[in-house]
N, C-alpha and C. Protein backbone atom coordinates (compact mmCIF):
# COMPACT_ATOMS: atom_id res chain seq x y z
N MET A 1 120.82 29.74 117.53
CA MET A 1 121.24 30.67 118.46
C MET A 1 120.40 31.98 118.29
N PRO A 2 119.71 32.53 119.25
CA PRO A 2 118.90 33.66 119.08
C PRO A 2 119.91 34.86 118.64
N THR A 3 119.31 35.74 117.92
CA THR A 3 119.96 36.77 117.22
C THR A 3 119.57 38.18 117.64
N VAL A 4 118.49 38.49 118.13
CA VAL A 4 117.98 39.68 118.54
C VAL A 4 117.49 39.83 119.90
N GLY A 5 117.95 40.87 120.47
CA GLY A 5 117.47 41.02 122.04
C GLY A 5 117.03 42.49 122.21
N ILE A 6 116.26 42.69 123.26
CA ILE A 6 115.87 44.02 123.63
C ILE A 6 116.30 44.34 125.04
N LEU A 7 117.03 45.44 125.17
CA LEU A 7 117.55 45.77 126.42
C LEU A 7 116.55 46.46 127.22
N ALA A 8 116.11 45.81 128.36
CA ALA A 8 114.97 46.33 129.04
C ALA A 8 115.49 46.87 130.33
N TYR A 9 115.03 48.13 130.65
CA TYR A 9 115.29 48.81 132.05
C TYR A 9 114.09 49.62 132.24
N GLY A 10 113.90 50.01 133.61
CA GLY A 10 112.71 50.67 134.02
C GLY A 10 111.60 49.68 133.84
N SER A 11 110.42 50.32 133.51
CA SER A 11 109.12 49.62 133.41
C SER A 11 109.05 48.59 132.41
N LEU A 12 109.97 48.45 131.35
CA LEU A 12 109.99 47.50 130.37
C LEU A 12 110.32 46.13 130.98
N ILE A 13 111.09 46.16 132.15
CA ILE A 13 111.37 44.89 132.83
C ILE A 13 110.22 44.03 133.33
N GLU A 14 109.42 44.84 134.07
CA GLU A 14 108.19 44.18 134.70
C GLU A 14 107.00 44.09 133.75
N ASP A 15 106.93 44.91 132.74
CA ASP A 15 105.88 45.16 131.77
C ASP A 15 106.11 45.27 130.23
N PRO A 16 106.61 44.15 129.79
CA PRO A 16 107.19 44.20 128.36
C PRO A 16 105.98 44.30 127.42
N GLY A 17 104.85 43.92 127.95
CA GLY A 17 103.72 44.01 126.92
C GLY A 17 103.49 42.57 126.30
N ALA A 18 102.29 42.40 125.79
CA ALA A 18 101.88 41.07 125.33
C ALA A 18 102.68 40.71 124.03
N GLU A 19 102.98 41.57 123.24
CA GLU A 19 103.84 41.22 122.02
C GLU A 19 105.21 40.75 122.25
N ILE A 20 105.86 41.60 123.03
CA ILE A 20 107.27 41.19 123.45
C ILE A 20 107.31 39.94 124.31
N GLU A 21 106.30 39.75 125.19
CA GLU A 21 106.07 38.57 126.08
C GLU A 21 105.94 37.42 125.12
N ALA A 22 105.14 37.40 124.16
CA ALA A 22 104.95 36.34 123.17
C ALA A 22 106.15 35.91 122.42
N ALA A 23 106.97 36.99 122.17
CA ALA A 23 108.28 36.83 121.37
C ALA A 23 109.48 36.30 122.24
N ARG A 24 109.31 36.36 123.57
CA ARG A 24 110.53 36.26 124.32
C ARG A 24 110.80 34.75 124.42
N LEU A 25 112.17 34.51 124.27
CA LEU A 25 112.68 33.02 124.44
C LEU A 25 113.09 33.06 125.87
N ARG A 26 113.93 33.98 126.35
CA ARG A 26 114.32 34.04 127.69
C ARG A 26 114.83 35.37 127.99
N THR A 27 115.26 35.48 129.32
CA THR A 27 115.80 36.82 129.71
C THR A 27 117.14 36.62 130.56
N GLU A 28 118.02 37.48 130.15
CA GLU A 28 119.44 37.38 130.78
C GLU A 28 119.57 38.73 131.72
N PRO A 29 120.19 38.55 132.84
CA PRO A 29 120.48 39.75 133.57
C PRO A 29 121.49 40.59 132.81
N ASN A 30 121.46 41.98 132.95
CA ASN A 30 122.47 42.71 132.26
C ASN A 30 122.60 44.04 132.97
N VAL A 31 123.25 45.01 132.60
CA VAL A 31 123.47 46.29 132.95
C VAL A 31 123.58 47.29 131.85
N THR A 32 122.95 48.47 132.03
CA THR A 32 123.05 49.36 130.96
C THR A 32 124.46 49.86 130.65
N THR A 33 124.99 49.97 129.39
CA THR A 33 126.24 50.52 129.18
C THR A 33 126.32 51.93 128.98
N PHE A 34 125.20 52.59 129.15
CA PHE A 34 124.97 54.05 129.10
C PHE A 34 124.43 54.49 130.44
N LYS A 35 124.44 55.83 130.62
CA LYS A 35 123.76 56.23 131.90
C LYS A 35 122.48 56.65 131.69
N ILE A 36 121.57 56.43 132.67
CA ILE A 36 120.18 56.77 132.65
C ILE A 36 119.77 57.72 133.91
N GLU A 37 118.70 58.45 133.77
CA GLU A 37 117.97 58.98 135.04
C GLU A 37 116.59 59.32 134.65
N PHE A 38 115.87 59.61 135.66
CA PHE A 38 114.48 60.00 135.53
C PHE A 38 114.58 61.56 135.08
N ALA A 39 114.28 61.73 133.84
CA ALA A 39 114.59 63.07 133.20
C ALA A 39 113.27 63.59 132.57
N ARG A 40 112.25 62.81 132.23
CA ARG A 40 111.04 63.30 131.57
C ARG A 40 109.64 62.90 132.24
N LYS A 41 108.76 63.46 131.93
CA LYS A 41 107.32 63.10 132.36
C LYS A 41 106.68 62.53 131.19
N SER A 42 106.12 61.33 131.47
CA SER A 42 105.40 60.56 130.35
C SER A 42 104.00 60.93 130.35
N GLN A 43 103.52 61.38 129.11
CA GLN A 43 102.00 61.66 128.94
C GLN A 43 101.32 60.46 129.14
N THR A 44 101.80 59.23 128.48
CA THR A 44 101.08 58.01 128.49
C THR A 44 101.10 57.34 129.76
N ARG A 45 101.82 57.77 130.86
CA ARG A 45 102.01 57.18 132.19
C ARG A 45 101.50 58.14 133.17
N GLY A 46 100.55 58.87 132.90
CA GLY A 46 99.95 59.90 133.84
C GLY A 46 100.95 60.82 134.30
N TYR A 47 101.85 61.19 133.51
CA TYR A 47 102.89 62.24 133.69
C TYR A 47 103.87 61.81 134.69
N GLY A 48 103.97 60.51 134.91
CA GLY A 48 104.87 59.93 135.91
C GLY A 48 106.34 60.09 135.21
N PRO A 49 107.37 60.06 136.14
CA PRO A 49 108.77 60.15 135.63
C PRO A 49 109.14 58.89 134.69
N THR A 50 110.00 59.22 133.79
CA THR A 50 110.41 58.25 132.81
C THR A 50 112.01 58.12 132.76
N LEU A 51 112.57 57.02 132.84
CA LEU A 51 113.99 56.85 132.72
C LEU A 51 114.33 57.06 131.19
N VAL A 52 115.55 57.87 131.11
CA VAL A 52 115.89 58.14 129.74
C VAL A 52 117.46 58.16 129.71
N PRO A 53 118.16 57.77 128.58
CA PRO A 53 119.57 57.71 128.57
C PRO A 53 119.95 59.20 128.58
N VAL A 54 121.14 59.51 129.29
CA VAL A 54 121.68 60.97 129.49
C VAL A 54 123.18 60.98 129.06
N ALA A 55 123.67 62.04 128.70
CA ALA A 55 125.11 62.03 128.38
C ALA A 55 125.75 62.63 129.57
N VAL A 56 125.12 63.41 130.46
CA VAL A 56 125.66 63.92 131.62
C VAL A 56 124.80 63.63 132.80
N GLY A 57 125.45 63.20 133.93
CA GLY A 57 124.65 62.71 135.11
C GLY A 57 124.25 61.38 135.01
N GLY A 58 123.23 60.98 135.66
CA GLY A 58 122.68 59.62 135.66
C GLY A 58 123.61 58.46 136.25
N ASP A 59 123.27 57.33 135.84
CA ASP A 59 124.11 56.20 136.41
C ASP A 59 123.77 55.04 135.57
N HIS A 60 124.62 54.05 135.49
CA HIS A 60 124.28 52.71 135.02
C HIS A 60 123.29 51.91 135.87
N VAL A 61 122.41 51.26 135.36
CA VAL A 61 121.34 50.57 136.03
C VAL A 61 121.28 49.11 135.72
N LEU A 62 120.81 48.38 136.62
CA LEU A 62 120.36 46.99 136.30
C LEU A 62 119.42 46.85 135.14
N ALA A 63 119.65 45.99 134.37
CA ALA A 63 118.64 45.78 133.18
C ALA A 63 118.39 44.30 132.88
N HIS A 64 117.67 44.00 131.92
CA HIS A 64 117.49 42.61 131.47
C HIS A 64 117.63 42.68 130.05
N MET A 65 118.24 41.68 129.29
CA MET A 65 118.23 41.47 127.92
C MET A 65 117.12 40.54 127.65
N ILE A 66 115.93 40.92 126.96
CA ILE A 66 114.96 40.01 126.50
C ILE A 66 115.40 39.37 125.24
N ILE A 67 115.75 38.15 125.35
CA ILE A 67 116.22 37.41 124.10
C ILE A 67 114.97 36.95 123.39
N LEU A 68 114.96 37.28 122.06
CA LEU A 68 113.68 37.09 121.37
C LEU A 68 113.80 35.55 120.57
N ASN A 69 112.70 35.10 120.37
CA ASN A 69 112.64 33.77 119.48
C ASN A 69 113.42 33.93 118.28
N GLU A 70 114.10 32.74 117.86
CA GLU A 70 114.67 32.85 116.49
C GLU A 70 113.72 33.15 115.43
N GLY A 71 114.22 33.75 114.27
CA GLY A 71 113.29 34.21 113.26
C GLY A 71 112.60 35.52 113.44
N ILE A 72 112.75 36.11 114.49
CA ILE A 72 112.29 37.44 114.57
C ILE A 72 113.49 38.46 114.28
N SER A 73 113.12 39.16 113.21
CA SER A 73 114.12 40.07 112.51
C SER A 73 114.44 41.26 113.44
N GLU A 74 115.45 42.03 113.12
CA GLU A 74 115.73 43.32 113.91
C GLU A 74 114.70 44.24 113.63
N SER A 75 114.08 44.39 112.37
CA SER A 75 113.00 45.21 112.10
C SER A 75 111.71 44.85 112.83
N GLU A 76 111.44 43.51 112.84
CA GLU A 76 110.25 43.20 113.76
C GLU A 76 110.42 43.55 115.10
N ALA A 77 111.63 43.36 115.69
CA ALA A 77 111.99 43.64 117.04
C ALA A 77 111.78 45.11 117.31
N CYS A 78 112.29 45.98 116.42
CA CYS A 78 112.07 47.44 116.51
C CYS A 78 110.60 47.84 116.56
N ASP A 79 109.82 47.23 115.70
CA ASP A 79 108.34 47.47 115.77
C ASP A 79 107.78 47.07 117.17
N LEU A 80 108.14 45.97 117.65
CA LEU A 80 107.60 45.45 118.99
C LEU A 80 107.88 46.39 120.14
N VAL A 81 109.21 46.80 120.12
CA VAL A 81 109.57 47.61 121.30
C VAL A 81 109.08 49.08 121.12
N TRP A 82 108.99 49.50 119.97
CA TRP A 82 108.38 50.86 119.62
C TRP A 82 106.98 50.90 119.88
N ARG A 83 106.07 49.88 119.36
CA ARG A 83 104.64 49.98 119.78
C ARG A 83 104.50 49.85 121.24
N ARG A 84 105.29 49.13 121.99
CA ARG A 84 105.17 48.93 123.37
C ARG A 84 105.36 50.35 124.13
N GLU A 85 106.41 51.00 123.70
CA GLU A 85 106.89 52.28 124.21
C GLU A 85 105.77 53.39 123.89
N ILE A 86 105.07 53.33 122.88
CA ILE A 86 104.04 54.32 122.55
C ILE A 86 102.67 53.89 122.74
N ARG A 87 102.48 52.76 123.50
CA ARG A 87 101.32 52.20 123.89
C ARG A 87 100.33 51.94 122.71
N GLN A 88 100.85 51.26 121.71
CA GLN A 88 100.18 50.90 120.49
C GLN A 88 100.27 49.46 120.29
N ILE A 89 100.39 48.53 121.33
CA ILE A 89 100.57 47.13 121.17
C ILE A 89 99.37 46.57 120.49
N GLY A 90 99.61 45.61 119.48
CA GLY A 90 98.52 44.99 118.85
C GLY A 90 98.02 45.59 117.58
N THR A 91 98.69 46.98 117.31
CA THR A 91 98.02 47.75 116.11
C THR A 91 98.72 47.39 114.81
N GLY A 92 99.97 46.65 114.91
CA GLY A 92 100.59 46.49 113.71
C GLY A 92 101.46 47.61 113.13
N LYS A 93 101.34 48.74 113.82
CA LYS A 93 102.07 49.85 113.32
C LYS A 93 103.56 49.52 113.22
N ARG A 94 104.27 50.09 112.22
CA ARG A 94 105.61 49.83 112.03
C ARG A 94 106.51 51.13 112.43
N TYR A 95 107.65 50.88 112.93
CA TYR A 95 108.64 51.78 113.31
C TYR A 95 109.32 52.32 112.10
N VAL A 96 109.24 53.73 112.02
CA VAL A 96 109.97 54.26 110.91
C VAL A 96 111.01 55.33 111.51
N PRO A 97 112.26 54.89 111.38
CA PRO A 97 113.36 55.91 112.01
C PRO A 97 113.26 57.31 111.34
N SER A 98 113.63 58.31 112.04
CA SER A 98 113.82 59.56 111.55
C SER A 98 115.11 60.11 111.81
N ASP A 99 115.71 60.81 110.83
CA ASP A 99 116.96 61.63 110.85
C ASP A 99 116.94 62.81 111.86
N HIS A 100 115.88 63.18 112.11
CA HIS A 100 115.53 64.43 112.98
C HIS A 100 114.46 64.21 113.72
N PRO A 101 114.44 63.30 114.77
CA PRO A 101 113.30 63.14 115.58
C PRO A 101 113.12 64.32 116.50
N GLY A 102 111.76 64.59 116.66
CA GLY A 102 111.30 65.80 117.40
C GLY A 102 111.39 65.50 118.97
N GLU A 103 111.10 66.49 119.61
CA GLU A 103 111.18 66.43 121.16
C GLU A 103 110.12 65.38 121.68
N ASN A 104 110.44 64.63 122.60
CA ASN A 104 109.52 63.56 123.16
C ASN A 104 109.15 62.49 122.17
N THR A 105 110.19 62.31 121.14
CA THR A 105 110.01 61.12 120.20
C THR A 105 110.59 59.95 120.66
N THR A 106 109.99 58.77 120.55
CA THR A 106 110.63 57.53 120.90
C THR A 106 111.39 57.02 119.83
N VAL A 107 112.72 56.78 120.03
CA VAL A 107 113.69 56.36 119.03
C VAL A 107 114.19 54.95 119.40
N VAL A 108 114.25 54.06 118.49
CA VAL A 108 114.80 52.66 118.82
C VAL A 108 116.12 52.74 118.15
N CYS A 109 117.12 52.25 118.99
CA CYS A 109 118.51 52.15 118.54
C CYS A 109 119.23 51.14 119.02
N GLY A 110 120.47 50.88 118.54
CA GLY A 110 121.33 49.76 119.02
C GLY A 110 121.76 49.89 120.38
N ALA A 111 121.94 48.78 121.04
CA ALA A 111 122.43 48.81 122.35
C ALA A 111 123.66 48.06 122.59
N SER A 112 124.80 48.70 122.99
CA SER A 112 126.08 48.00 123.19
C SER A 112 125.90 47.15 124.46
N THR A 113 126.02 45.79 124.53
CA THR A 113 125.90 44.96 125.62
C THR A 113 126.81 43.70 125.48
N GLN A 114 126.91 43.02 126.72
CA GLN A 114 127.57 41.83 126.57
C GLN A 114 126.55 40.68 126.69
N CYS A 115 126.12 40.03 125.73
CA CYS A 115 125.03 39.08 125.80
C CYS A 115 125.19 38.21 124.64
N SER A 116 124.29 37.24 124.54
CA SER A 116 124.34 36.20 123.37
C SER A 116 123.45 36.60 122.24
N THR A 117 123.43 37.87 121.92
CA THR A 117 122.69 38.32 120.80
C THR A 117 123.61 38.89 119.72
N ARG A 118 123.16 38.86 118.44
CA ARG A 118 123.96 39.49 117.36
C ARG A 118 123.63 40.97 117.37
N THR A 119 122.29 41.26 117.62
CA THR A 119 121.75 42.65 117.54
C THR A 119 121.07 42.91 118.98
N SER A 120 121.29 44.09 119.61
CA SER A 120 120.59 44.37 120.77
C SER A 120 119.91 45.81 120.45
N LEU A 121 118.65 46.00 120.89
CA LEU A 121 118.04 47.23 120.73
C LEU A 121 117.70 47.80 122.07
N ARG A 122 117.42 49.10 122.05
CA ARG A 122 116.99 49.75 123.27
C ARG A 122 116.22 51.05 122.65
N THR A 123 115.36 51.71 123.60
CA THR A 123 114.78 52.97 123.21
C THR A 123 115.34 54.21 123.79
N SER A 124 115.13 55.31 123.23
CA SER A 124 115.52 56.57 123.81
C SER A 124 114.40 57.54 123.46
N SER A 125 114.25 58.43 124.44
CA SER A 125 113.29 59.64 124.03
C SER A 125 114.12 60.78 123.69
N ARG A 126 113.66 61.50 122.50
CA ARG A 126 114.34 62.79 122.19
C ARG A 126 113.64 63.94 122.71
């Protein structure tokens, strides 16, 4: 049984990147358990609007759970989704969590979902 999934919403649904695509076993429909809204401008996306989780406002949105192949660890999945979000696919860079992320920092965290995974991950911008 697969054990790690990435909760995809926004551009991650249509464009997961080559590394996540190669690691994908299947995709399951889902909904975010947290509210999100267009709240930031992304430098790496031509200053286009970016969906981010919010505590106030926003709404739950349709999402996909990207179920990863067996054998991919939570740490490897964190690396995959982090590299995709910072546009460093294929570099082998590793995600290092921070206790005090700065502004506009991509953070990979757990996602509470109803799906067939043991661990579910999502990203957030600080």
